[in-house]
Amino acid sequence: MKQYMNVLKKYLAENRPNYGDGDVRSLLEFLYGHYSATNPIDNEAIRTQFGKLRAHFSFLKEECFDTVFDVVCDLCLEHERLVFLEGTRVGARLALELQGE
């Protein structure tokens, strides 16, 4: 069995997939990208918090607030991405443990 796994690993290393996006480095990241595009995360609590953020930075000109807003959104999206990736890894580990491997 090990010999077959080595052949498969060699084949996969020599035939890297094209995920279509330069930032995607793995199938798991590809899945996250598709999941987040088709299941946008937004609810009343998030909208309320963004409203509070806008109120706290009301003294800023619109362009400056947009910059702050973009940074906050980028931080949130990166957090969401990392949680998705690690949650999937944890789920896969759990499945293996439950199977006794």
N, C-alpha and C. Protein backbone atom coordinates (compact mmCIF):
# COMPACT_ATOMS: atom_id res chain seq x y z
N MET A 1 0.83 -1.20 0.00
CA MET A 1 0.00 0.00 0.00
C MET A 1 0.87 1.25 0.00
N LYS A 2 1.98 1.22 0.78
CA LYS A 2 2.86 2.39 0.87
C LYS A 2 3.42 2.76 -0.50
N GLN A 3 3.74 1.75 -1.31
CA GLN A 3 4.30 2.02 -2.65
C GLN A 3 3.28 2.77 -3.51
N TYR A 4 1.99 2.41 -3.40
CA TYR A 4 0.94 3.09 -4.16
C TYR A 4 0.77 4.54 -3.69
N MET A 5 0.87 4.73 -2.40
CA MET A 5 0.75 6.09 -1.86
C MET A 5 1.91 6.95 -2.34
N ASN A 6 3.11 6.38 -2.40
CA ASN A 6 4.27 7.13 -2.89
C ASN A 6 4.10 7.51 -4.36
N VAL A 7 3.57 6.60 -5.17
CA VAL A 7 3.32 6.89 -6.58
C VAL A 7 2.28 8.00 -6.70
N LEU A 8 1.23 7.92 -5.89
CA LEU A 8 0.18 8.95 -5.92
C LEU A 8 0.74 10.30 -5.50
N LYS A 9 1.53 10.32 -4.44
CA LYS A 9 2.13 11.57 -3.96
C LYS A 9 3.04 12.17 -5.02
N LYS A 10 3.83 11.34 -5.69
CA LYS A 10 4.72 11.82 -6.75
C LYS A 10 3.90 12.40 -7.90
N TYR A 11 2.85 11.70 -8.29
CA TYR A 11 1.99 12.18 -9.38
C TYR A 11 1.39 13.53 -9.02
N LEU A 12 0.87 13.66 -7.81
CA LEU A 12 0.24 14.91 -7.39
C LEU A 12 1.26 16.05 -7.35
N ALA A 13 2.49 15.76 -6.91
CA ALA A 13 3.53 16.78 -6.85
C ALA A 13 3.91 17.25 -8.25
N GLU A 14 3.89 16.35 -9.20
CA GLU A 14 4.27 16.68 -10.58
C GLU A 14 3.13 17.30 -11.38
N ASN A 15 1.92 17.17 -10.92
CA ASN A 15 0.75 17.66 -11.64
C ASN A 15 -0.08 18.58 -10.74
N ARG A 16 0.48 19.76 -10.47
CA ARG A 16 -0.19 20.71 -9.59
C ARG A 16 -1.47 21.21 -10.25
N PRO A 17 -2.57 21.28 -9.50
CA PRO A 17 -3.82 21.76 -10.08
C PRO A 17 -3.81 23.28 -10.26
N ASN A 18 -4.63 23.75 -11.16
CA ASN A 18 -4.82 25.18 -11.37
C ASN A 18 -6.13 25.55 -10.67
N TYR A 19 -6.01 26.24 -9.55
CA TYR A 19 -7.21 26.63 -8.80
C TYR A 19 -7.82 27.93 -9.32
N GLY A 20 -7.17 28.56 -10.30
CA GLY A 20 -7.75 29.73 -10.94
C GLY A 20 -7.45 31.05 -10.28
N ASP A 21 -7.02 31.07 -9.04
CA ASP A 21 -6.74 32.31 -8.32
C ASP A 21 -5.33 32.22 -7.78
N GLY A 22 -4.51 33.22 -8.06
CA GLY A 22 -3.12 33.21 -7.63
C GLY A 22 -2.92 33.11 -6.13
N ASP A 23 -3.91 33.51 -5.34
CA ASP A 23 -3.77 33.46 -3.89
C ASP A 23 -4.12 32.10 -3.30
N VAL A 24 -4.72 31.25 -4.09
CA VAL A 24 -5.15 29.94 -3.60
C VAL A 24 -3.99 28.96 -3.74
N ARG A 25 -3.55 28.40 -2.61
CA ARG A 25 -2.40 27.51 -2.60
C ARG A 25 -2.76 26.06 -2.29
N SER A 26 -4.02 25.80 -2.03
CA SER A 26 -4.41 24.43 -1.69
C SER A 26 -5.88 24.22 -2.03
N LEU A 27 -6.26 22.97 -2.11
CA LEU A 27 -7.66 22.64 -2.35
C LEU A 27 -8.53 23.15 -1.22
N LEU A 28 -8.03 23.09 0.00
CA LEU A 28 -8.78 23.60 1.14
C LEU A 28 -9.06 25.10 1.00
N GLU A 29 -8.07 25.87 0.57
CA GLU A 29 -8.28 27.30 0.36
C GLU A 29 -9.25 27.54 -0.79
N PHE A 30 -9.20 26.71 -1.81
CA PHE A 30 -10.15 26.80 -2.91
C PHE A 30 -11.57 26.58 -2.40
N LEU A 31 -11.74 25.57 -1.54
CA LEU A 31 -13.06 25.30 -0.97
C LEU A 31 -13.55 26.48 -0.13
N TYR A 32 -12.65 27.07 0.64
CA TYR A 32 -13.02 28.24 1.44
C TYR A 32 -13.50 29.37 0.52
N GLY A 33 -12.75 29.63 -0.54
CA GLY A 33 -13.11 30.71 -1.45
C GLY A 33 -14.50 30.51 -2.04
N HIS A 34 -14.77 29.29 -2.46
CA HIS A 34 -16.09 28.99 -3.02
C HIS A 34 -17.17 29.09 -1.94
N TYR A 35 -16.89 28.53 -0.77
CA TYR A 35 -17.87 28.57 0.32
C TYR A 35 -18.20 30.01 0.72
N SER A 36 -17.16 30.83 0.89
CA SER A 36 -17.41 32.21 1.34
C SER A 36 -18.10 33.04 0.26
N ALA A 37 -17.86 32.71 -1.01
CA ALA A 37 -18.52 33.45 -2.09
C ALA A 37 -20.01 33.09 -2.18
N THR A 38 -20.34 31.85 -1.88
CA THR A 38 -21.74 31.42 -2.01
C THR A 38 -22.51 31.49 -0.70
N ASN A 39 -21.81 31.70 0.41
CA ASN A 39 -22.45 31.80 1.72
C ASN A 39 -21.92 33.03 2.46
N PRO A 40 -22.20 34.23 1.97
CA PRO A 40 -21.66 35.41 2.64
C PRO A 40 -22.16 35.49 4.08
N ILE A 41 -21.26 35.89 4.95
CA ILE A 41 -21.59 35.97 6.38
C ILE A 41 -22.00 37.40 6.70
N ASP A 42 -23.25 37.55 7.06
CA ASP A 42 -23.78 38.85 7.41
C ASP A 42 -25.04 38.62 8.25
N ASN A 43 -25.14 39.37 9.34
CA ASN A 43 -26.35 39.29 10.14
C ASN A 43 -26.54 40.61 10.88
N GLU A 44 -27.56 40.69 11.66
CA GLU A 44 -27.89 41.93 12.36
C GLU A 44 -26.78 42.33 13.33
N ALA A 45 -26.17 41.36 14.02
CA ALA A 45 -25.09 41.68 14.98
C ALA A 45 -23.90 42.32 14.25
N ILE A 46 -23.55 41.81 13.10
CA ILE A 46 -22.43 42.37 12.34
C ILE A 46 -22.78 43.78 11.87
N ARG A 47 -23.97 43.97 11.35
CA ARG A 47 -24.39 45.30 10.90
C ARG A 47 -24.40 46.29 12.08
N THR A 48 -24.84 45.84 13.24
CA THR A 48 -24.85 46.70 14.43
C THR A 48 -23.44 47.12 14.82
N GLN A 49 -22.50 46.18 14.79
CA GLN A 49 -21.12 46.49 15.16
C GLN A 49 -20.49 47.46 14.16
N PHE A 50 -20.78 47.28 12.88
CA PHE A 50 -20.26 48.22 11.90
C PHE A 50 -20.88 49.60 12.10
N GLY A 51 -22.13 49.66 12.51
CA GLY A 51 -22.76 50.94 12.84
C GLY A 51 -22.05 51.61 14.00
N LYS A 52 -21.69 50.84 15.03
CA LYS A 52 -20.95 51.38 16.17
C LYS A 52 -19.58 51.88 15.73
N LEU A 53 -18.94 51.13 14.85
CA LEU A 53 -17.64 51.54 14.33
C LEU A 53 -17.76 52.88 13.60
N ARG A 54 -18.79 53.01 12.77
CA ARG A 54 -19.01 54.26 12.04
C ARG A 54 -19.24 55.41 13.04
N ALA A 55 -20.00 55.16 14.09
CA ALA A 55 -20.28 56.21 15.09
C ALA A 55 -19.00 56.64 15.80
N HIS A 56 -18.14 55.70 16.14
CA HIS A 56 -16.89 56.02 16.84
C HIS A 56 -15.91 56.78 15.95
N PHE A 57 -16.00 56.60 14.66
CA PHE A 57 -15.09 57.27 13.74
C PHE A 57 -15.80 58.33 12.90
N SER A 58 -16.89 58.86 13.42
CA SER A 58 -17.69 59.85 12.67
C SER A 58 -16.91 61.13 12.41
N PHE A 59 -15.86 61.39 13.18
CA PHE A 59 -15.06 62.60 13.01
C PHE A 59 -14.16 62.52 11.77
N LEU A 60 -14.00 61.32 11.20
CA LEU A 60 -13.15 61.15 10.03
C LEU A 60 -13.88 61.53 8.75
N LYS A 61 -13.13 62.03 7.80
CA LYS A 61 -13.70 62.26 6.48
C LYS A 61 -14.04 60.90 5.88
N GLU A 62 -14.97 60.91 4.93
CA GLU A 62 -15.46 59.66 4.34
C GLU A 62 -14.33 58.79 3.80
N GLU A 63 -13.35 59.40 3.11
CA GLU A 63 -12.24 58.62 2.54
C GLU A 63 -11.41 57.95 3.64
N CYS A 64 -11.18 58.68 4.72
CA CYS A 64 -10.40 58.12 5.83
C CYS A 64 -11.18 56.99 6.52
N PHE A 65 -12.47 57.21 6.71
CA PHE A 65 -13.28 56.15 7.32
C PHE A 65 -13.28 54.92 6.42
N ASP A 66 -13.37 55.12 5.11
CA ASP A 66 -13.35 53.98 4.18
C ASP A 66 -12.07 53.18 4.33
N THR A 67 -10.95 53.86 4.55
CA THR A 67 -9.68 53.17 4.75
C THR A 67 -9.72 52.33 6.03
N VAL A 68 -10.22 52.92 7.12
CA VAL A 68 -10.36 52.18 8.38
C VAL A 68 -11.30 51.00 8.20
N PHE A 69 -12.41 51.23 7.55
CA PHE A 69 -13.39 50.18 7.30
C PHE A 69 -12.77 49.04 6.49
N ASP A 70 -11.99 49.38 5.46
CA ASP A 70 -11.34 48.35 4.64
C ASP A 70 -10.36 47.51 5.47
N VAL A 71 -9.60 48.15 6.35
CA VAL A 71 -8.66 47.41 7.19
C VAL A 71 -9.41 46.47 8.12
N VAL A 72 -10.47 46.96 8.75
CA VAL A 72 -11.26 46.13 9.65
C VAL A 72 -11.85 44.95 8.89
N CYS A 73 -12.39 45.20 7.71
CA CYS A 73 -12.97 44.11 6.90
C CYS A 73 -11.92 43.09 6.50
N ASP A 74 -10.74 43.57 6.10
CA ASP A 74 -9.66 42.65 5.74
C ASP A 74 -9.27 41.77 6.92
N LEU A 75 -9.20 42.37 8.10
CA LEU A 75 -8.88 41.58 9.31
C LEU A 75 -9.96 40.54 9.58
N CYS A 76 -11.21 40.93 9.45
CA CYS A 76 -12.31 40.00 9.67
C CYS A 76 -12.30 38.86 8.66
N LEU A 77 -12.05 39.19 7.39
CA LEU A 77 -12.03 38.16 6.35
C LEU A 77 -10.88 37.18 6.55
N GLU A 78 -9.72 37.70 6.96
CA GLU A 78 -8.59 36.79 7.22
C GLU A 78 -8.89 35.88 8.41
N HIS A 79 -9.51 36.43 9.43
CA HIS A 79 -9.92 35.62 10.58
C HIS A 79 -10.90 34.54 10.14
N GLU A 80 -11.88 34.92 9.35
CA GLU A 80 -12.86 33.96 8.84
C GLU A 80 -12.18 32.85 8.04
N ARG A 81 -11.23 33.22 7.19
CA ARG A 81 -10.51 32.25 6.36
C ARG A 81 -9.73 31.27 7.23
N LEU A 82 -9.00 31.79 8.21
CA LEU A 82 -8.21 30.92 9.08
C LEU A 82 -9.08 29.99 9.91
N VAL A 83 -10.21 30.49 10.39
CA VAL A 83 -11.13 29.66 11.16
C VAL A 83 -11.71 28.54 10.29
N PHE A 84 -12.07 28.86 9.07
CA PHE A 84 -12.60 27.84 8.15
C PHE A 84 -11.55 26.77 7.89
N LEU A 85 -10.32 27.19 7.57
CA LEU A 85 -9.26 26.23 7.26
C LEU A 85 -8.95 25.35 8.46
N GLU A 86 -8.75 25.96 9.60
CA GLU A 86 -8.40 25.18 10.79
C GLU A 86 -9.56 24.31 11.25
N GLY A 87 -10.78 24.81 11.15
CA GLY A 87 -11.95 24.01 11.52
C GLY A 87 -12.07 22.77 10.65
N THR A 88 -11.77 22.93 9.37
CA THR A 88 -11.82 21.78 8.47
C THR A 88 -10.72 20.78 8.82
N ARG A 89 -9.53 21.29 9.13
CA ARG A 89 -8.43 20.39 9.54
C ARG A 89 -8.78 19.64 10.81
N VAL A 90 -9.35 20.35 11.78
CA VAL A 90 -9.74 19.70 13.03
C VAL A 90 -10.80 18.64 12.77
N GLY A 91 -11.76 18.95 11.91
CA GLY A 91 -12.80 17.98 11.57
C GLY A 91 -12.21 16.74 10.91
N ALA A 92 -11.23 16.94 10.03
CA ALA A 92 -10.58 15.79 9.37
C ALA A 92 -9.82 14.95 10.39
N ARG A 93 -9.12 15.61 11.31
CA ARG A 93 -8.41 14.87 12.36
C ARG A 93 -9.38 14.08 13.23
N LEU A 94 -10.49 14.70 13.56
CA LEU A 94 -11.50 14.03 14.37
C LEU A 94 -12.03 12.79 13.65
N ALA A 95 -12.31 12.94 12.36
CA ALA A 95 -12.79 11.79 11.58
C ALA A 95 -11.77 10.66 11.60
N LEU A 96 -10.48 10.99 11.45
CA LEU A 96 -9.45 9.95 11.50
C LEU A 96 -9.38 9.29 12.87
N GLU A 97 -9.46 10.10 13.92
CA GLU A 97 -9.42 9.55 15.28
C GLU A 97 -10.61 8.63 15.53
N LEU A 98 -11.77 9.04 15.07
CA LEU A 98 -12.96 8.23 15.28
C LEU A 98 -12.90 6.91 14.50
N GLN A 99 -12.13 6.91 13.42
CA GLN A 99 -11.95 5.69 12.64
C GLN A 99 -10.81 4.84 13.20
N GLY A 100 -10.14 5.36 14.23
CA GLY A 100 -9.07 4.60 14.88
C GLY A 100 -7.74 4.68 14.19
N GLU A 101 -7.52 5.70 13.36
CA GLU A 101 -6.24 5.85 12.66
C GLU A 101 -5.38 6.89 13.33
